[in-house]
């Protein structure tokens, strides 16, 4: 069993103790196809910690930068003090400084989401499923980077952080499969006469606001957003105040690449609506 005392950022070793014995891994074995969840770890823990160390070093090296708002794919700065985010496990480490949005920025974000949703909602459901599944694949490719950020941002242990990242991709796949199994939620209905045709069709609502929880910041926010997105809606993302680094949004928008899913527009926009532009809210209790 790996001695997690060598890793000071691993704050809770109970999960490692419970899962290492059943991992079946051997030193030097590849982790291809292996996976960490909240109940099991089919991985070589030595390799896991090596890869996590590399990702953690990269996250620390990238910390401290200033981040603008991103609205409709455009970086926007604003006057006023920035939101300074420090790591709860090492308050000397400034993770980043983030531009604080004004109500006008919020309205612009919701307006941009409404505009993008019209095109996204017109895509055939199979195209939306394919796009979202590419996003799930890319989360898995970047899972060490995402997990390392979570470890620094919210103080999660390494294994808990990795379980969060893996679950985010799994939840996208789950909601995609729900749409596939329901044939896009297009269902023929009963007929009273031979000449009529009745069909029940699930149509997009428009814009949803997703509030990220602090305890499962990537998995739960991704799951809620994925369900709305695959159904043809747009999502306006509000990070929790303890998550100014915005793991999900930084990869959806911060690199300007919309997760490389091939989507023509950005369908995830940071902010939250108010007044007449308020979207429906997605949040955990």
C-alpha atoms as a PDB file:
ATOM      1  CA  UNK A   1       0.000   0.000   0.000  1.00  0.00           C
ATOM      2  CA  UNK A   2       1.248   3.462  -0.891  1.00  0.00           C
ATOM      3  CA  UNK A   3       2.242   5.585   2.085  1.00  0.00           C
ATOM      4  CA  UNK A   4       0.256   8.779   1.513  1.00  0.00           C
ATOM      5  CA  UNK A   5       2.161  10.571   4.290  1.00  0.00           C
ATOM      6  CA  UNK A   6       4.680  11.470   1.623  1.00  0.00           C
ATOM      7  CA  UNK A   7       2.069  13.699   0.003  1.00  0.00           C
ATOM      8  CA  UNK A   8       1.220  16.669   2.254  1.00  0.00           C
ATOM      9  CA  UNK A   9      -1.693  17.847   0.070  1.00  0.00           C
ATOM     10  CA  UNK A  10      -3.469  14.521   0.635  1.00  0.00           C
ATOM     11  CA  UNK A  11      -5.488  15.590   3.648  1.00  0.00           C
ATOM     12  CA  UNK A  12      -7.713  12.518   4.022  1.00  0.00           C
ATOM     13  CA  UNK A  13      -6.071   9.146   3.471  1.00  0.00           C
ATOM     14  CA  UNK A  14      -9.083   7.037   4.433  1.00  0.00           C
ATOM     15  CA  UNK A  15     -10.116   6.568   0.814  1.00  0.00           C
ATOM     16  CA  UNK A  16      -6.602   5.546  -0.187  1.00  0.00           C
ATOM     17  CA  UNK A  17      -6.464   3.026   2.660  1.00  0.00           C
ATOM     18  CA  UNK A  18      -9.821   1.555   1.717  1.00  0.00           C
ATOM     19  CA  UNK A  19      -9.130   1.234  -1.983  1.00  0.00           C
ATOM     20  CA  UNK A  20      -5.437   0.536  -2.367  1.00  0.00           C
ATOM     21  CA  UNK A  21      -5.723  -3.069  -1.270  1.00  0.00           C
ATOM     22  CA  UNK A  22      -8.254  -3.793  -3.982  1.00  0.00           C
ATOM     23  CA  UNK A  23      -6.553  -1.887  -6.775  1.00  0.00           C
ATOM     24  CA  UNK A  24      -4.672  -4.868  -8.131  1.00  0.00           C
ATOM     25  CA  UNK A  25      -2.089  -2.546  -9.649  1.00  0.00           C
ATOM     26  CA  UNK A  26       1.567  -3.409 -10.074  1.00  0.00           C
ATOM     27  CA  UNK A  27       4.478  -0.958 -10.112  1.00  0.00           C
ATOM     28  CA  UNK A  28       5.036   0.456 -13.574  1.00  0.00           C
ATOM     29  CA  UNK A  29       1.699  -0.749 -14.934  1.00  0.00           C
ATOM     30  CA  UNK A  30      -0.177   1.575 -17.265  1.00  0.00           C
ATOM     31  CA  UNK A  31      -3.310   3.313 -15.987  1.00  0.00           C
ATOM     32  CA  UNK A  32      -4.909   3.141 -19.441  1.00  0.00           C
ATOM     33  CA  UNK A  33      -8.493   2.080 -18.923  1.00  0.00           C
ATOM     34  CA  UNK A  34      -8.137   2.291 -15.131  1.00  0.00           C
ATOM     35  CA  UNK A  35     -10.286   4.500 -12.985  1.00  0.00           C
ATOM     36  CA  UNK A  36     -10.695   6.010  -9.536  1.00  0.00           C
ATOM     37  CA  UNK A  37     -14.211   6.380  -8.147  1.00  0.00           C
ATOM     38  CA  UNK A  38     -15.590   7.109  -4.681  1.00  0.00           C
ATOM     39  CA  UNK A  39     -15.804   3.378  -3.945  1.00  0.00           C
ATOM     40  CA  UNK A  40     -12.876   1.780  -5.760  1.00  0.00           C
ATOM     41  CA  UNK A  41      -9.514   2.477  -7.359  1.00  0.00           C
ATOM     42  CA  UNK A  42      -8.378   0.233 -10.188  1.00  0.00           C
ATOM     43  CA  UNK A  43      -5.064   2.014 -10.574  1.00  0.00           C
ATOM     44  CA  UNK A  44      -1.375   1.723  -9.894  1.00  0.00           C
ATOM     45  CA  UNK A  45      -1.112   4.190  -7.008  1.00  0.00           C
ATOM     46  CA  UNK A  46       2.597   4.819  -7.563  1.00  0.00           C
ATOM     47  CA  UNK A  47       1.912   5.969 -11.111  1.00  0.00           C
ATOM     48  CA  UNK A  48      -1.164   7.867  -9.966  1.00  0.00           C
ATOM     49  CA  UNK A  49       0.840   9.919  -7.466  1.00  0.00           C
ATOM     50  CA  UNK A  50       3.598  10.544 -10.025  1.00  0.00           C
ATOM     51  CA  UNK A  51       1.113  11.909 -12.574  1.00  0.00           C
ATOM     52  CA  UNK A  52      -0.718  13.893  -9.896  1.00  0.00           C
ATOM     53  CA  UNK A  53       2.573  15.437  -8.748  1.00  0.00           C
ATOM     54  CA  UNK A  54       3.223  16.599 -12.315  1.00  0.00           C
ATOM     55  CA  UNK A  55      -0.259  18.091 -12.616  1.00  0.00           C
ATOM     56  CA  UNK A  56       0.014  19.734  -9.200  1.00  0.00           C
ATOM     57  CA  UNK A  57       3.310  21.352 -10.150  1.00  0.00           C
ATOM     58  CA  UNK A  58       1.705  22.701 -13.316  1.00  0.00           C
ATOM     59  CA  UNK A  59      -1.264  24.088 -11.384  1.00  0.00           C
ATOM     60  CA  UNK A  60       1.022  25.802  -8.887  1.00  0.00           C
ATOM     61  CA  UNK A  61       3.156  27.261 -11.680  1.00  0.00           C
ATOM     62  CA  UNK A  62       0.074  28.686 -13.403  1.00  0.00           C
ATOM     63  CA  UNK A  63      -1.373  30.185 -10.204  1.00  0.00           C
ATOM     64  CA  UNK A  64      -1.487  33.883  -9.433  1.00  0.00           C
ATOM     65  CA  UNK A  65      -2.498  35.090 -12.876  1.00  0.00           C
ATOM     66  CA  UNK A  66      -5.164  37.730 -13.510  1.00  0.00           C
ATOM     67  CA  UNK A  67      -8.299  36.462 -15.240  1.00  0.00           C
ATOM     68  CA  UNK A  68     -10.839  38.615 -17.091  1.00  0.00           C
ATOM     69  CA  UNK A  69     -14.493  37.829 -17.580  1.00  0.00           C
ATOM     70  CA  UNK A  70     -15.380  35.884 -20.712  1.00  0.00           C
ATOM     71  CA  UNK A  71     -18.680  36.887 -22.279  1.00  0.00           C
ATOM     72  CA  UNK A  72     -19.657  35.637 -25.723  1.00  0.00           C
ATOM     73  CA  UNK A  73     -16.083  34.433 -26.200  1.00  0.00           C
ATOM     74  CA  UNK A  74     -14.588  37.879 -25.514  1.00  0.00           C
ATOM     75  CA  UNK A  75     -12.263  38.641 -22.561  1.00  0.00           C
ATOM     76  CA  UNK A  76     -13.563  41.614 -20.586  1.00  0.00           C
ATOM     77  CA  UNK A  77     -11.901  43.544 -17.757  1.00  0.00           C
ATOM     78  CA  UNK A  78     -13.778  45.744 -15.323  1.00  0.00           C
ATOM     79  CA  UNK A  79     -12.813  48.489 -12.874  1.00  0.00           C
ATOM     80  CA  UNK A  80     -12.866  47.790  -9.190  1.00  0.00           C
ATOM     81  CA  UNK A  81     -11.034  45.365  -6.915  1.00  0.00           C
ATOM     82  CA  UNK A  82     -10.447  41.875  -8.213  1.00  0.00           C
ATOM     83  CA  UNK A  83     -11.577  38.729  -6.429  1.00  0.00           C
ATOM     84  CA  UNK A  84      -8.421  37.204  -4.945  1.00  0.00           C
ATOM     85  CA  UNK A  85      -8.594  33.456  -4.423  1.00  0.00           C
ATOM     86  CA  UNK A  86      -6.204  31.692  -2.046  1.00  0.00           C
ATOM     87  CA  UNK A  87      -5.770  27.994  -1.496  1.00  0.00           C
ATOM     88  CA  UNK A  88      -7.422  26.817   1.744  1.00  0.00           C
ATOM     89  CA  UNK A  89      -4.620  24.291   2.293  1.00  0.00           C
ATOM     90  CA  UNK A  90      -1.877  26.896   1.810  1.00  0.00           C
ATOM     91  CA  UNK A  91      -3.147  30.446   2.192  1.00  0.00           C
ATOM     92  CA  UNK A  92       0.201  31.783   1.005  1.00  0.00           C
ATOM     93  CA  UNK A  93      -0.674  30.500  -2.460  1.00  0.00           C
ATOM     94  CA  UNK A  94      -2.750  32.934  -4.511  1.00  0.00           C
ATOM     95  CA  UNK A  95      -4.564  30.813  -7.077  1.00  0.00           C
ATOM     96  CA  UNK A  96      -5.651  33.770  -9.156  1.00  0.00           C
ATOM     97  CA  UNK A  97      -7.191  37.216  -9.306  1.00  0.00           C
ATOM     98  CA  UNK A  98     -10.571  37.350 -11.034  1.00  0.00           C
ATOM     99  CA  UNK A  99     -12.485  40.253 -12.481  1.00  0.00           C
ATOM    100  CA  UNK A 100     -15.675  40.961 -10.537  1.00  0.00           C
ATOM    101  CA  UNK A 101     -18.756  41.197 -12.747  1.00  0.00           C
ATOM    102  CA  UNK A 102     -21.253  44.046 -12.565  1.00  0.00           C
ATOM    103  CA  UNK A 103     -25.019  43.662 -13.150  1.00  0.00           C
ATOM    104  CA  UNK A 104     -24.454  44.916 -16.704  1.00  0.00           C
ATOM    105  CA  UNK A 105     -21.963  42.105 -17.320  1.00  0.00           C
ATOM    106  CA  UNK A 106     -24.471  39.607 -15.981  1.00  0.00           C
ATOM    107  CA  UNK A 107     -27.126  40.807 -18.408  1.00  0.00           C
ATOM    108  CA  UNK A 108     -24.655  40.592 -21.282  1.00  0.00           C
ATOM    109  CA  UNK A 109     -23.802  37.009 -20.320  1.00  0.00           C
ATOM    110  CA  UNK A 110     -27.450  35.952 -20.252  1.00  0.00           C
ATOM    111  CA  UNK A 111     -28.119  37.728 -23.553  1.00  0.00           C
ATOM    112  CA  UNK A 112     -25.156  35.943 -25.138  1.00  0.00           C
ATOM    113  CA  UNK A 113     -26.429  32.617 -23.821  1.00  0.00           C
ATOM    114  CA  UNK A 114     -29.898  33.243 -25.239  1.00  0.00           C
ATOM    115  CA  UNK A 115     -28.420  34.082 -28.627  1.00  0.00           C
ATOM    116  CA  UNK A 116     -26.210  30.978 -28.697  1.00  0.00           C
ATOM    117  CA  UNK A 117     -29.034  28.725 -27.514  1.00  0.00           C
ATOM    118  CA  UNK A 118     -31.156  29.358 -30.592  1.00  0.00           C
ATOM    119  CA  UNK A 119     -28.596  27.692 -32.839  1.00  0.00           C
ATOM    120  CA  UNK A 120     -27.659  24.989 -30.335  1.00  0.00           C
ATOM    121  CA  UNK A 121     -31.294  24.067 -29.742  1.00  0.00           C
ATOM    122  CA  UNK A 122     -31.857  23.630 -33.477  1.00  0.00           C
ATOM    123  CA  UNK A 123     -29.094  21.035 -33.727  1.00  0.00           C
ATOM    124  CA  UNK A 124     -30.410  17.460 -34.057  1.00  0.00           C
ATOM    125  CA  UNK A 125     -30.275  15.693 -30.711  1.00  0.00           C
ATOM    126  CA  UNK A 126     -27.741  13.196 -32.085  1.00  0.00           C
ATOM    127  CA  UNK A 127     -25.347  16.065 -32.884  1.00  0.00           C
ATOM    128  CA  UNK A 128     -25.701  17.455 -29.359  1.00  0.00           C
ATOM    129  CA  UNK A 129     -25.026  14.002 -27.907  1.00  0.00           C
ATOM    130  CA  UNK A 130     -21.899  13.616 -30.044  1.00  0.00           C
ATOM    131  CA  UNK A 131     -20.629  17.050 -29.000  1.00  0.00           C
ATOM    132  CA  UNK A 132     -21.219  16.391 -25.309  1.00  0.00           C
ATOM    133  CA  UNK A 133     -19.542  12.987 -25.497  1.00  0.00           C
ATOM    134  CA  UNK A 134     -16.458  14.663 -26.933  1.00  0.00           C
ATOM    135  CA  UNK A 135     -16.513  16.981 -23.914  1.00  0.00           C
ATOM    136  CA  UNK A 136     -16.614  13.929 -21.620  1.00  0.00           C
ATOM    137  CA  UNK A 137     -13.623  12.432 -23.433  1.00  0.00           C
ATOM    138  CA  UNK A 138     -11.678  15.651 -23.021  1.00  0.00           C
ATOM    139  CA  UNK A 139     -12.438  15.806 -19.303  1.00  0.00           C
ATOM    140  CA  UNK A 140     -10.930  12.333 -19.010  1.00  0.00           C
ATOM    141  CA  UNK A 141      -7.861  13.462 -20.955  1.00  0.00           C
ATOM    142  CA  UNK A 142      -7.443  16.451 -18.614  1.00  0.00           C
ATOM    143  CA  UNK A 143      -8.524  14.715 -15.423  1.00  0.00           C
ATOM    144  CA  UNK A 144      -5.173  15.059 -13.656  1.00  0.00           C
ATOM    145  CA  UNK A 145      -5.055  18.799 -14.330  1.00  0.00           C
ATOM    146  CA  UNK A 146      -8.649  19.239 -13.195  1.00  0.00           C
ATOM    147  CA  UNK A 147      -8.147  17.116 -10.086  1.00  0.00           C
ATOM    148  CA  UNK A 148      -4.974  18.989  -9.146  1.00  0.00           C
ATOM    149  CA  UNK A 149      -6.818  22.310  -9.381  1.00  0.00           C
ATOM    150  CA  UNK A 150      -9.570  20.990  -7.135  1.00  0.00           C
ATOM    151  CA  UNK A 151      -7.053  19.787  -4.587  1.00  0.00           C
ATOM    152  CA  UNK A 152      -5.599  23.292  -4.366  1.00  0.00           C
ATOM    153  CA  UNK A 153      -8.930  25.124  -4.520  1.00  0.00           C
ATOM    154  CA  UNK A 154     -11.081  23.242  -2.038  1.00  0.00           C
ATOM    155  CA  UNK A 155      -8.608  21.116  -0.092  1.00  0.00           C
ATOM    156  CA  UNK A 156      -9.808  17.757  -1.381  1.00  0.00           C
ATOM    157  CA  UNK A 157      -7.486  14.794  -1.125  1.00  0.00           C
ATOM    158  CA  UNK A 158      -5.981  13.508  -4.335  1.00  0.00           C
ATOM    159  CA  UNK A 159      -8.258  10.513  -4.622  1.00  0.00           C
ATOM    160  CA  UNK A 160     -11.363  12.526  -3.811  1.00  0.00           C
ATOM    161  CA  UNK A 161     -10.398  15.094  -6.436  1.00  0.00           C
ATOM    162  CA  UNK A 162      -9.825  12.436  -9.067  1.00  0.00           C
ATOM    163  CA  UNK A 163     -13.135  10.781  -8.220  1.00  0.00           C
ATOM    164  CA  UNK A 164     -14.814  14.155  -8.746  1.00  0.00           C
ATOM    165  CA  UNK A 165     -13.203  14.591 -12.172  1.00  0.00           C
ATOM    166  CA  UNK A 166     -14.046  11.053 -13.290  1.00  0.00           C
ATOM    167  CA  UNK A 167     -17.649  11.452 -12.168  1.00  0.00           C
ATOM    168  CA  UNK A 168     -17.992  14.662 -14.178  1.00  0.00           C
ATOM    169  CA  UNK A 169     -17.260  12.768 -17.399  1.00  0.00           C
ATOM    170  CA  UNK A 170     -19.470   9.859 -16.320  1.00  0.00           C
ATOM    171  CA  UNK A 171     -22.422  12.174 -15.701  1.00  0.00           C
ATOM    172  CA  UNK A 172     -22.136  13.645 -19.197  1.00  0.00           C
ATOM    173  CA  UNK A 173     -22.180  10.133 -20.630  1.00  0.00           C
ATOM    174  CA  UNK A 174     -25.155   9.232 -18.428  1.00  0.00           C
ATOM    175  CA  UNK A 175     -27.341  12.098 -19.615  1.00  0.00           C
ATOM    176  CA  UNK A 176     -26.296  11.529 -23.218  1.00  0.00           C
ATOM    177  CA  UNK A 177     -27.345   7.890 -22.937  1.00  0.00           C
ATOM    178  CA  UNK A 178     -30.687   8.940 -21.457  1.00  0.00           C
ATOM    179  CA  UNK A 179     -31.371  10.965 -24.598  1.00  0.00           C
ATOM    180  CA  UNK A 180     -30.227   8.118 -26.858  1.00  0.00           C
ATOM    181  CA  UNK A 181     -32.363   5.545 -25.049  1.00  0.00           C
ATOM    182  CA  UNK A 182     -35.405   7.830 -25.329  1.00  0.00           C
ATOM    183  CA  UNK A 183     -34.716   8.446 -29.055  1.00  0.00           C
ATOM    184  CA  UNK A 184     -34.355  12.148 -28.431  1.00  0.00           C
ATOM    185  CA  UNK A 185     -37.578  12.239 -26.407  1.00  0.00           C
ATOM    186  CA  UNK A 186     -39.650  12.235 -29.597  1.00  0.00           C
ATOM    187  CA  UNK A 187     -42.553   9.865 -28.864  1.00  0.00           C
ATOM    188  CA  UNK A 188     -45.583   8.992 -31.011  1.00  0.00           C
ATOM    189  CA  UNK A 189     -48.869   9.325 -29.144  1.00  0.00           C
ATOM    190  CA  UNK A 190     -52.174   7.555 -29.464  1.00  0.00           C
ATOM    191  CA  UNK A 191     -54.566   8.433 -32.286  1.00  0.00           C
ATOM    192  CA  UNK A 192     -58.305   8.810 -32.055  1.00  0.00           C
ATOM    193  CA  UNK A 193     -58.751   8.680 -35.836  1.00  0.00           C
ATOM    194  CA  UNK A 194     -56.643   7.147 -38.657  1.00  0.00           C
ATOM    195  CA  UNK A 195     -56.046  10.556 -40.218  1.00  0.00           C
ATOM    196  CA  UNK A 196     -54.385  12.268 -37.241  1.00  0.00           C
ATOM    197  CA  UNK A 197     -50.813  12.099 -36.028  1.00  0.00           C
ATOM    198  CA  UNK A 198     -49.823  13.131 -32.515  1.00  0.00           C
ATOM    199  CA  UNK A 199     -46.229  13.376 -31.341  1.00  0.00           C
ATOM    200  CA  UNK A 200     -44.791  14.294 -27.948  1.00  0.00           C
ATOM    201  CA  UNK A 201     -41.522  16.256 -28.360  1.00  0.00           C
ATOM    202  CA  UNK A 202     -39.186  17.529 -25.652  1.00  0.00           C
ATOM    203  CA  UNK A 203     -38.238  21.092 -26.628  1.00  0.00           C
ATOM    204  CA  UNK A 204     -35.494  23.212 -25.040  1.00  0.00           C
ATOM    205  CA  UNK A 205     -36.476  25.744 -22.391  1.00  0.00           C
ATOM    206  CA  UNK A 206     -33.791  28.298 -23.257  1.00  0.00           C
ATOM    207  CA  UNK A 207     -31.230  29.332 -20.623  1.00  0.00           C
ATOM    208  CA  UNK A 208     -30.433  27.711 -17.283  1.00  0.00           C
ATOM    209  CA  UNK A 209     -28.152  29.134 -14.586  1.00  0.00           C
ATOM    210  CA  UNK A 210     -25.948  26.590 -12.835  1.00  0.00           C
ATOM    211  CA  UNK A 211     -24.594  27.384  -9.362  1.00  0.00           C
ATOM    212  CA  UNK A 212     -21.535  25.275  -8.613  1.00  0.00           C
ATOM    213  CA  UNK A 213     -21.466  23.552  -5.208  1.00  0.00           C
ATOM    214  CA  UNK A 214     -18.233  23.825  -3.236  1.00  0.00           C
ATOM    215  CA  UNK A 215     -18.040  20.187  -2.166  1.00  0.00           C
ATOM    216  CA  UNK A 216     -18.283  18.522  -5.600  1.00  0.00           C
ATOM    217  CA  UNK A 217     -17.411  21.532  -7.756  1.00  0.00           C
ATOM    218  CA  UNK A 218     -16.749  19.778 -11.041  1.00  0.00           C
ATOM    219  CA  UNK A 219     -18.932  16.648 -10.938  1.00  0.00           C
ATOM    220  CA  UNK A 220     -22.199  18.209  -9.786  1.00  0.00           C
ATOM    221  CA  UNK A 221     -21.932  21.403 -11.809  1.00  0.00           C
ATOM    222  CA  UNK A 222     -20.985  19.409 -14.907  1.00  0.00           C
ATOM    223  CA  UNK A 223     -23.809  16.942 -14.353  1.00  0.00           C
ATOM    224  CA  UNK A 224     -26.439  19.667 -14.004  1.00  0.00           C
ATOM    225  CA  UNK A 225     -25.055  21.599 -16.964  1.00  0.00           C
ATOM    226  CA  UNK A 226     -24.760  18.499 -19.149  1.00  0.00           C
ATOM    227  CA  UNK A 227     -28.413  17.582 -18.635  1.00  0.00           C
ATOM    228  CA  UNK A 228     -29.496  21.061 -19.721  1.00  0.00           C
ATOM    229  CA  UNK A 229     -27.058  21.269 -22.624  1.00  0.00           C
ATOM    230  CA  UNK A 230     -27.790  17.903 -24.196  1.00  0.00           C
ATOM    231  CA  UNK A 231     -31.494  18.815 -24.141  1.00  0.00           C
ATOM    232  CA  UNK A 232     -30.700  21.875 -26.273  1.00  0.00           C
ATOM    233  CA  UNK A 233     -30.454  24.591 -23.627  1.00  0.00           C
ATOM    234  CA  UNK A 234     -27.661  27.046 -22.888  1.00  0.00           C
ATOM    235  CA  UNK A 235     -26.069  27.334 -19.440  1.00  0.00           C
ATOM    236  CA  UNK A 236     -24.948  30.424 -17.550  1.00  0.00           C
ATOM    237  CA  UNK A 237     -22.422  29.273 -14.961  1.00  0.00           C
ATOM    238  CA  UNK A 238     -21.997  30.889 -11.542  1.00  0.00           C
ATOM    239  CA  UNK A 239     -19.012  29.701  -9.575  1.00  0.00           C
ATOM    240  CA  UNK A 240     -19.286  29.230  -5.835  1.00  0.00           C
ATOM    241  CA  UNK A 241     -17.559  32.012  -3.896  1.00  0.00           C
ATOM    242  CA  UNK A 242     -15.035  29.425  -2.716  1.00  0.00           C
ATOM    243  CA  UNK A 243     -14.290  28.481  -6.328  1.00  0.00           C
ATOM    244  CA  UNK A 244     -13.210  31.658  -8.033  1.00  0.00           C
ATOM    245  CA  UNK A 245     -10.840  29.647 -10.210  1.00  0.00           C
ATOM    246  CA  UNK A 246     -13.898  28.032 -11.855  1.00  0.00           C
ATOM    247  CA  UNK A 247     -12.578  24.636 -12.926  1.00  0.00           C
ATOM    248  CA  UNK A 248     -15.339  23.829 -15.387  1.00  0.00           C
ATOM    249  CA  UNK A 249     -15.674  27.300 -16.872  1.00  0.00           C
ATOM    250  CA  UNK A 250     -11.946  27.871 -17.189  1.00  0.00           C
ATOM    251  CA  UNK A 251     -11.711  24.910 -19.538  1.00  0.00           C
ATOM    252  CA  UNK A 252     -14.984  25.584 -21.344  1.00  0.00           C
ATOM    253  CA  UNK A 253     -14.142  29.228 -22.008  1.00  0.00           C
ATOM    254  CA  UNK A 254     -10.935  30.454 -20.424  1.00  0.00           C
ATOM    255  CA  UNK A 255      -8.748  28.994 -23.161  1.00  0.00           C
ATOM    256  CA  UNK A 256     -11.137  30.243 -25.849  1.00  0.00           C
ATOM    257  CA  UNK A 257     -11.544  26.743 -27.241  1.00  0.00           C
ATOM    258  CA  UNK A 258     -14.991  25.721 -25.949  1.00  0.00           C
ATOM    259  CA  UNK A 259     -13.550  22.349 -24.874  1.00  0.00           C
ATOM    260  CA  UNK A 260     -12.470  21.612 -28.480  1.00  0.00           C
ATOM    261  CA  UNK A 261     -15.760  19.790 -28.965  1.00  0.00           C
ATOM    262  CA  UNK A 262     -16.293  21.219 -32.429  1.00  0.00           C
ATOM    263  CA  UNK A 263     -19.178  23.431 -31.316  1.00  0.00           C
ATOM    264  CA  UNK A 264     -19.543  26.592 -33.395  1.00  0.00           C
ATOM    265  CA  UNK A 265     -20.635  28.761 -30.457  1.00  0.00           C
ATOM    266  CA  UNK A 266     -20.041  28.977 -26.732  1.00  0.00           C
ATOM    267  CA  UNK A 267     -23.021  27.536 -24.886  1.00  0.00           C
ATOM    268  CA  UNK A 268     -21.597  27.926 -21.369  1.00  0.00           C
ATOM    269  CA  UNK A 269     -21.216  31.496 -20.163  1.00  0.00           C
ATOM    270  CA  UNK A 270     -20.091  32.625 -16.672  1.00  0.00           C
ATOM    271  CA  UNK A 271     -22.476  34.810 -14.689  1.00  0.00           C
ATOM    272  CA  UNK A 272     -26.109  34.639 -13.544  1.00  0.00           C
ATOM    273  CA  UNK A 273     -29.232  36.458 -14.666  1.00  0.00           C
ATOM    274  CA  UNK A 274     -31.336  38.911 -12.722  1.00  0.00           C
ATOM    275  CA  UNK A 275     -34.424  40.982 -13.372  1.00  0.00           C
ATOM    276  CA  UNK A 276     -36.350  40.165 -16.545  1.00  0.00           C
ATOM    277  CA  UNK A 277     -33.432  38.208 -17.991  1.00  0.00           C
ATOM    278  CA  UNK A 278     -33.309  35.689 -15.150  1.00  0.00           C
ATOM    279  CA  UNK A 279     -32.947  32.091 -16.367  1.00  0.00           C
ATOM    280  CA  UNK A 280     -34.085  28.972 -14.528  1.00  0.00           C
ATOM    281  CA  UNK A 281     -31.727  27.900 -11.763  1.00  0.00           C
ATOM    282  CA  UNK A 282     -29.788  24.633 -11.375  1.00  0.00           C
ATOM    283  CA  UNK A 283     -28.363  24.068  -7.888  1.00  0.00           C
ATOM    284  CA  UNK A 284     -27.927  21.419  -5.221  1.00  0.00           C
ATOM    285  CA  UNK A 285     -29.634  21.681  -1.845  1.00  0.00           C
END
